[in-house]
Amino acid sequence: MAEVVRRYRAVGRAFELAQAAEDHAVLLARAGWADQAATALREATDLHLRLGAHWDVRRAAARAGRVAG
């Protein structure tokens, strides 16, 4: 998943990057990598906000909460 995130970042695909970063955050959290998960979630949230996708921000937070909790 990290490679997908890097690729979308390199080619400037903001929507796809936001989705991939969110998924990456969930996978990192499941693996117990809380700091890295938080970084990926911040990136996803920032991108979602720039795109005006407020619903996606709420979904990302809920997904991350389910994993962390």
PDB file of N, CA and C in Angstrom:
ATOM      1  N   MET A   1       0.830  -1.192   0.000  1.00  0.00           N
ATOM      2  CA  MET A   1       0.000   0.000   0.000  1.00  0.00           C
ATOM      3  C   MET A   1       0.872   1.251   0.000  1.00  0.00           C
ATOM      4  N   ALA A   2       2.003   1.197   0.688  1.00  0.00           N
ATOM      5  CA  ALA A   2       2.890   2.365   0.732  1.00  0.00           C
ATOM      6  C   ALA A   2       3.348   2.756  -0.668  1.00  0.00           C
ATOM      7  N   GLU A   3       3.590   1.776  -1.515  1.00  0.00           N
ATOM      8  CA  GLU A   3       4.017   2.060  -2.885  1.00  0.00           C
ATOM      9  C   GLU A   3       2.904   2.761  -3.667  1.00  0.00           C
ATOM     10  N   VAL A   4       1.676   2.376  -3.438  1.00  0.00           N
ATOM     11  CA  VAL A   4       0.537   3.023  -4.104  1.00  0.00           C
ATOM     12  C   VAL A   4       0.460   4.483  -3.675  1.00  0.00           C
ATOM     13  N   VAL A   5       0.605   4.727  -2.388  1.00  0.00           N
ATOM     14  CA  VAL A   5       0.579   6.093  -1.868  1.00  0.00           C
ATOM     15  C   VAL A   5       1.698   6.913  -2.501  1.00  0.00           C
ATOM     16  N   ARG A   6       2.899   6.357  -2.543  1.00  0.00           N
ATOM     17  CA  ARG A   6       4.030   7.077  -3.142  1.00  0.00           C
ATOM     18  C   ARG A   6       3.772   7.391  -4.614  1.00  0.00           C
ATOM     19  N   ARG A   7       3.193   6.443  -5.316  1.00  0.00           N
ATOM     20  CA  ARG A   7       2.937   6.650  -6.748  1.00  0.00           C
ATOM     21  C   ARG A   7       1.909   7.756  -6.975  1.00  0.00           C
ATOM     22  N   TYR A   8       0.797   7.715  -6.249  1.00  0.00           N
ATOM     23  CA  TYR A   8      -0.212   8.764  -6.405  1.00  0.00           C
ATOM     24  C   TYR A   8       0.349  10.129  -6.003  1.00  0.00           C
ATOM     25  N   ARG A   9       1.189  10.149  -4.997  1.00  0.00           N
ATOM     26  CA  ARG A   9       1.812  11.407  -4.583  1.00  0.00           C
ATOM     27  C   ARG A   9       2.719  11.928  -5.701  1.00  0.00           C
ATOM     28  N   ALA A  10       3.485  11.031  -6.318  1.00  0.00           N
ATOM     29  CA  ALA A  10       4.434  11.416  -7.368  1.00  0.00           C
ATOM     30  C   ALA A  10       3.739  11.960  -8.614  1.00  0.00           C
ATOM     31  N   VAL A  11       2.588  11.399  -8.945  1.00  0.00           N
ATOM     32  CA  VAL A  11       1.905  11.821 -10.175  1.00  0.00           C
ATOM     33  C   VAL A  11       0.849  12.893  -9.926  1.00  0.00           C
ATOM     34  N   GLY A  12       0.654  13.280  -8.657  1.00  0.00           N
ATOM     35  CA  GLY A  12      -0.252  14.370  -8.347  1.00  0.00           C
ATOM     36  C   GLY A  12      -1.727  14.029  -8.429  1.00  0.00           C
ATOM     37  N   ARG A  13      -2.093  12.803  -8.117  1.00  0.00           N
ATOM     38  CA  ARG A  13      -3.497  12.384  -8.143  1.00  0.00           C
ATOM     39  C   ARG A  13      -4.084  12.537  -6.746  1.00  0.00           C
ATOM     40  N   ALA A  14      -4.579  13.743  -6.427  1.00  0.00           N
ATOM     41  CA  ALA A  14      -5.002  14.076  -5.070  1.00  0.00           C
ATOM     42  C   ALA A  14      -6.146  13.198  -4.570  1.00  0.00           C
ATOM     43  N   PHE A  15      -7.164  12.974  -5.384  1.00  0.00           N
ATOM     44  CA  PHE A  15      -8.302  12.170  -4.937  1.00  0.00           C
ATOM     45  C   PHE A  15      -7.866  10.746  -4.616  1.00  0.00           C
ATOM     46  N   GLU A  16      -7.145  10.147  -5.542  1.00  0.00           N
ATOM     47  CA  GLU A  16      -6.685   8.774  -5.334  1.00  0.00           C
ATOM     48  C   GLU A  16      -5.705   8.684  -4.171  1.00  0.00           C
ATOM     49  N   LEU A  17      -4.861   9.696  -4.034  1.00  0.00           N
ATOM     50  CA  LEU A  17      -3.917   9.721  -2.920  1.00  0.00           C
ATOM     51  C   LEU A  17      -4.650   9.787  -1.589  1.00  0.00           C
ATOM     52  N   ALA A  18      -5.688  10.601  -1.507  1.00  0.00           N
ATOM     53  CA  ALA A  18      -6.458  10.698  -0.261  1.00  0.00           C
ATOM     54  C   ALA A  18      -7.051   9.350   0.116  1.00  0.00           C
ATOM     55  N   GLN A  19      -7.628   8.659  -0.859  1.00  0.00           N
ATOM     56  CA  GLN A  19      -8.225   7.352  -0.594  1.00  0.00           C
ATOM     57  C   GLN A  19      -7.167   6.328  -0.176  1.00  0.00           C
ATOM     58  N   ALA A  20      -6.044   6.316  -0.898  1.00  0.00           N
ATOM     59  CA  ALA A  20      -4.981   5.364  -0.594  1.00  0.00           C
ATOM     60  C   ALA A  20      -4.339   5.656   0.761  1.00  0.00           C
ATOM     61  N   ALA A  21      -4.136   6.931   1.082  1.00  0.00           N
ATOM     62  CA  ALA A  21      -3.553   7.288   2.380  1.00  0.00           C
ATOM     63  C   ALA A  21      -4.473   6.861   3.516  1.00  0.00           C
ATOM     64  N   GLU A  22      -5.774   7.022   3.312  1.00  0.00           N
ATOM     65  CA  GLU A  22      -6.740   6.581   4.327  1.00  0.00           C
ATOM     66  C   GLU A  22      -6.651   5.067   4.537  1.00  0.00           C
ATOM     67  N   ASP A  23      -6.655   4.318   3.442  1.00  0.00           N
ATOM     68  CA  ASP A  23      -6.535   2.859   3.550  1.00  0.00           C
ATOM     69  C   ASP A  23      -5.213   2.466   4.199  1.00  0.00           C
ATOM     70  N   HIS A  24      -4.159   3.170   3.826  1.00  0.00           N
ATOM     71  CA  HIS A  24      -2.846   2.889   4.410  1.00  0.00           C
ATOM     72  C   HIS A  24      -2.857   3.137   5.918  1.00  0.00           C
ATOM     73  N   ALA A  25      -3.510   4.204   6.340  1.00  0.00           N
ATOM     74  CA  ALA A  25      -3.613   4.499   7.772  1.00  0.00           C
ATOM     75  C   ALA A  25      -4.304   3.364   8.519  1.00  0.00           C
ATOM     76  N   VAL A  26      -5.372   2.846   7.958  1.00  0.00           N
ATOM     77  CA  VAL A  26      -6.102   1.752   8.604  1.00  0.00           C
ATOM     78  C   VAL A  26      -5.214   0.509   8.693  1.00  0.00           C
ATOM     79  N   LEU A  27      -4.521   0.182   7.615  1.00  0.00           N
ATOM     80  CA  LEU A  27      -3.643  -0.995   7.631  1.00  0.00           C
ATOM     81  C   LEU A  27      -2.500  -0.833   8.629  1.00  0.00           C
ATOM     82  N   LEU A  28      -1.914   0.356   8.681  1.00  0.00           N
ATOM     83  CA  LEU A  28      -0.841   0.602   9.653  1.00  0.00           C
ATOM     84  C   LEU A  28      -1.355   0.481  11.081  1.00  0.00           C
ATOM     85  N   ALA A  29      -2.537   1.006  11.336  1.00  0.00           N
ATOM     86  CA  ALA A  29      -3.110   0.920  12.682  1.00  0.00           C
ATOM     87  C   ALA A  29      -3.368  -0.534  13.064  1.00  0.00           C
ATOM     88  N   ARG A  30      -3.892  -1.308  12.134  1.00  0.00           N
ATOM     89  CA  ARG A  30      -4.129  -2.733  12.408  1.00  0.00           C
ATOM     90  C   ARG A  30      -2.844  -3.480  12.733  1.00  0.00           C
ATOM     91  N   ALA A  31      -1.756  -3.033  12.109  1.00  0.00           N
ATOM     92  CA  ALA A  31      -0.463  -3.673  12.338  1.00  0.00           C
ATOM     93  C   ALA A  31       0.214  -3.178  13.608  1.00  0.00           C
ATOM     94  N   GLY A  32      -0.407  -2.192  14.273  1.00  0.00           N
ATOM     95  CA  GLY A  32       0.155  -1.677  15.513  1.00  0.00           C
ATOM     96  C   GLY A  32       1.130  -0.534  15.339  1.00  0.00           C
ATOM     97  N   TRP A  33       1.186   0.062  14.179  1.00  0.00           N
ATOM     98  CA  TRP A  33       2.090   1.175  13.884  1.00  0.00           C
ATOM     99  C   TRP A  33       1.334   2.489  14.052  1.00  0.00           C
ATOM    100  N   ALA A  34       1.033   2.839  15.285  1.00  0.00           N
ATOM    101  CA  ALA A  34       0.154   3.975  15.582  1.00  0.00           C
ATOM    102  C   ALA A  34       0.694   5.307  15.068  1.00  0.00           C
ATOM    103  N   ASP A  35       1.969   5.580  15.236  1.00  0.00           N
ATOM    104  CA  ASP A  35       2.528   6.860  14.790  1.00  0.00           C
ATOM    105  C   ASP A  35       2.451   7.001  13.272  1.00  0.00           C
ATOM    106  N   GLN A  36       2.818   5.946  12.568  1.00  0.00           N
ATOM    107  CA  GLN A  36       2.758   5.982  11.111  1.00  0.00           C
ATOM    108  C   GLN A  36       1.316   6.065  10.626  1.00  0.00           C
ATOM    109  N   ALA A  37       0.415   5.389  11.331  1.00  0.00           N
ATOM    110  CA  ALA A  37      -1.010   5.443  10.981  1.00  0.00           C
ATOM    111  C   ALA A  37      -1.538   6.861  11.140  1.00  0.00           C
ATOM    112  N   ALA A  38      -1.143   7.531  12.219  1.00  0.00           N
ATOM    113  CA  ALA A  38      -1.587   8.901  12.449  1.00  0.00           C
ATOM    114  C   ALA A  38      -1.072   9.838  11.362  1.00  0.00           C
ATOM    115  N   THR A  39       0.159   9.632  10.923  1.00  0.00           N
ATOM    116  CA  THR A  39       0.721  10.455   9.848  1.00  0.00           C
ATOM    117  C   THR A  39      -0.051  10.244   8.551  1.00  0.00           C
ATOM    118  N   ALA A  40      -0.329   9.000   8.216  1.00  0.00           N
ATOM    119  CA  ALA A  40      -1.086   8.706   6.995  1.00  0.00           C
ATOM    120  C   ALA A  40      -2.502   9.261   7.084  1.00  0.00           C
ATOM    121  N   LEU A  41      -3.111   9.171   8.244  1.00  0.00           N
ATOM    122  CA  LEU A  41      -4.462   9.699   8.415  1.00  0.00           C
ATOM    123  C   LEU A  41      -4.476  11.225   8.298  1.00  0.00           C
ATOM    124  N   ARG A  42      -3.449  11.876   8.825  1.00  0.00           N
ATOM    125  CA  ARG A  42      -3.345  13.336   8.680  1.00  0.00           C
ATOM    126  C   ARG A  42      -3.247  13.726   7.210  1.00  0.00           C
ATOM    127  N   GLU A  43      -2.443  12.994   6.461  1.00  0.00           N
ATOM    128  CA  GLU A  43      -2.318  13.288   5.035  1.00  0.00           C
ATOM    129  C   GLU A  43      -3.666  13.103   4.334  1.00  0.00           C
ATOM    130  N   ALA A  44      -4.332  12.000   4.622  1.00  0.00           N
ATOM    131  CA  ALA A  44      -5.641  11.751   4.009  1.00  0.00           C
ATOM    132  C   ALA A  44      -6.632  12.845   4.375  1.00  0.00           C
ATOM    133  N   THR A  45      -6.656  13.234   5.630  1.00  0.00           N
ATOM    134  CA  THR A  45      -7.587  14.266   6.090  1.00  0.00           C
ATOM    135  C   THR A  45      -7.302  15.602   5.417  1.00  0.00           C
ATOM    136  N   ASP A  46      -6.034  15.976   5.352  1.00  0.00           N
ATOM    137  CA  ASP A  46      -5.660  17.234   4.691  1.00  0.00           C
ATOM    138  C   ASP A  46      -6.106  17.244   3.233  1.00  0.00           C
ATOM    139  N   LEU A  47      -5.877  16.145   2.548  1.00  0.00           N
ATOM    140  CA  LEU A  47      -6.282  16.054   1.146  1.00  0.00           C
ATOM    141  C   LEU A  47      -7.794  16.102   0.996  1.00  0.00           C
ATOM    142  N   HIS A  48      -8.503  15.353   1.825  1.00  0.00           N
ATOM    143  CA  HIS A  48      -9.970  15.373   1.772  1.00  0.00           C
ATOM    144  C   HIS A  48     -10.496  16.796   1.972  1.00  0.00           C
ATOM    145  N   LEU A  49      -9.919  17.511   2.937  1.00  0.00           N
ATOM    146  CA  LEU A  49     -10.369  18.875   3.205  1.00  0.00           C
ATOM    147  C   LEU A  49     -10.085  19.792   2.020  1.00  0.00           C
ATOM    148  N   ARG A  50      -8.908  19.649   1.410  1.00  0.00           N
ATOM    149  CA  ARG A  50      -8.586  20.462   0.235  1.00  0.00           C
ATOM    150  C   ARG A  50      -9.547  20.201  -0.919  1.00  0.00           C
ATOM    151  N   LEU A  51     -10.043  18.971  -0.987  1.00  0.00           N
ATOM    152  CA  LEU A  51     -10.983  18.604  -2.047  1.00  0.00           C
ATOM    153  C   LEU A  51     -12.426  18.940  -1.671  1.00  0.00           C
ATOM    154  N   GLY A  52     -12.635  19.429  -0.442  1.00  0.00           N
ATOM    155  CA  GLY A  52     -13.984  19.756   0.011  1.00  0.00           C
ATOM    156  C   GLY A  52     -14.804  18.525   0.365  1.00  0.00           C
ATOM    157  N   ALA A  53     -14.131  17.428   0.630  1.00  0.00           N
ATOM    158  CA  ALA A  53     -14.800  16.152   0.901  1.00  0.00           C
ATOM    159  C   ALA A  53     -14.942  15.941   2.407  1.00  0.00           C
ATOM    160  N   HIS A  54     -15.803  16.724   3.024  1.00  0.00           N
ATOM    161  CA  HIS A  54     -15.969  16.674   4.475  1.00  0.00           C
ATOM    162  C   HIS A  54     -16.544  15.339   4.949  1.00  0.00           C
ATOM    163  N   TRP A  55     -17.410  14.737   4.162  1.00  0.00           N
ATOM    164  CA  TRP A  55     -17.943  13.429   4.529  1.00  0.00           C
ATOM    165  C   TRP A  55     -16.808  12.418   4.600  1.00  0.00           C
ATOM    166  N   ASP A  56     -15.860  12.512   3.668  1.00  0.00           N
ATOM    167  CA  ASP A  56     -14.728  11.586   3.670  1.00  0.00           C
ATOM    168  C   ASP A  56     -13.855  11.767   4.909  1.00  0.00           C
ATOM    169  N   VAL A  57     -13.738  12.994   5.389  1.00  0.00           N
ATOM    170  CA  VAL A  57     -12.986  13.243   6.623  1.00  0.00           C
ATOM    171  C   VAL A  57     -13.651  12.509   7.782  1.00  0.00           C
ATOM    172  N   ARG A  58     -14.973  12.621   7.856  1.00  0.00           N
ATOM    173  CA  ARG A  58     -15.702  11.933   8.945  1.00  0.00           C
ATOM    174  C   ARG A  58     -15.569  10.417   8.822  1.00  0.00           C
ATOM    175  N   ARG A  59     -15.654   9.896   7.600  1.00  0.00           N
ATOM    176  CA  ARG A  59     -15.512   8.450   7.411  1.00  0.00           C
ATOM    177  C   ARG A  59     -14.113   7.988   7.811  1.00  0.00           C
ATOM    178  N   ALA A  60     -13.088   8.747   7.406  1.00  0.00           N
ATOM    179  CA  ALA A  60     -11.707   8.375   7.732  1.00  0.00           C
ATOM    180  C   ALA A  60     -11.500   8.339   9.240  1.00  0.00           C
ATOM    181  N   ALA A  61     -12.029   9.339   9.932  1.00  0.00           N
ATOM    182  CA  ALA A  61     -11.900   9.380  11.394  1.00  0.00           C
ATOM    183  C   ALA A  61     -12.612   8.197  12.030  1.00  0.00           C
ATOM    184  N   ALA A  62     -13.776   7.851  11.504  1.00  0.00           N
ATOM    185  CA  ALA A  62     -14.520   6.711  12.051  1.00  0.00           C
ATOM    186  C   ALA A  62     -13.769   5.405  11.803  1.00  0.00           C
ATOM    187  N   ARG A  63     -13.223   5.253  10.614  1.00  0.00           N
ATOM    188  CA  ARG A  63     -12.463   4.022  10.309  1.00  0.00           C
ATOM    189  C   ARG A  63     -11.251   3.909  11.213  1.00  0.00           C
ATOM    190  N   ALA A  64     -10.540   4.996  11.384  1.00  0.00           N
ATOM    191  CA  ALA A  64      -9.351   4.978  12.225  1.00  0.00           C
ATOM    192  C   ALA A  64      -9.727   4.701  13.670  1.00  0.00           C
ATOM    193  N   GLY A  65     -10.851   5.242  14.111  1.00  0.00           N
ATOM    194  CA  GLY A  65     -11.313   5.010  15.479  1.00  0.00           C
ATOM    195  C   GLY A  65     -11.656   3.562  15.727  1.00  0.00           C
ATOM    196  N   ARG A  66     -12.258   2.919  14.742  1.00  0.00           N
ATOM    197  CA  ARG A  66     -12.601   1.500  14.883  1.00  0.00           C
ATOM    198  C   ARG A  66     -11.358   0.651  15.008  1.00  0.00           C
ATOM    199  N   VAL A  67     -10.308   1.019  14.287  1.00  0.00           N
ATOM    200  CA  VAL A  67      -9.069   0.260  14.346  1.00  0.00           C
ATOM    201  C   VAL A  67      -8.351   0.515  15.667  1.00  0.00           C
ATOM    202  N   ALA A  68      -8.283   1.785  16.062  1.00  0.00           N
ATOM    203  CA  ALA A  68      -7.557   2.152  17.279  1.00  0.00           C
ATOM    204  C   ALA A  68      -8.252   1.676  18.534  1.00  0.00           C
ATOM    205  N   GLY A  69      -9.566   1.609  18.490  1.00  0.00           N
ATOM    206  CA  GLY A  69     -10.326   1.302  19.691  1.00  0.00           C
ATOM    207  C   GLY A  69     -10.436  -0.118  20.070  1.00  0.00           C
TER     208      GLY A  69
END
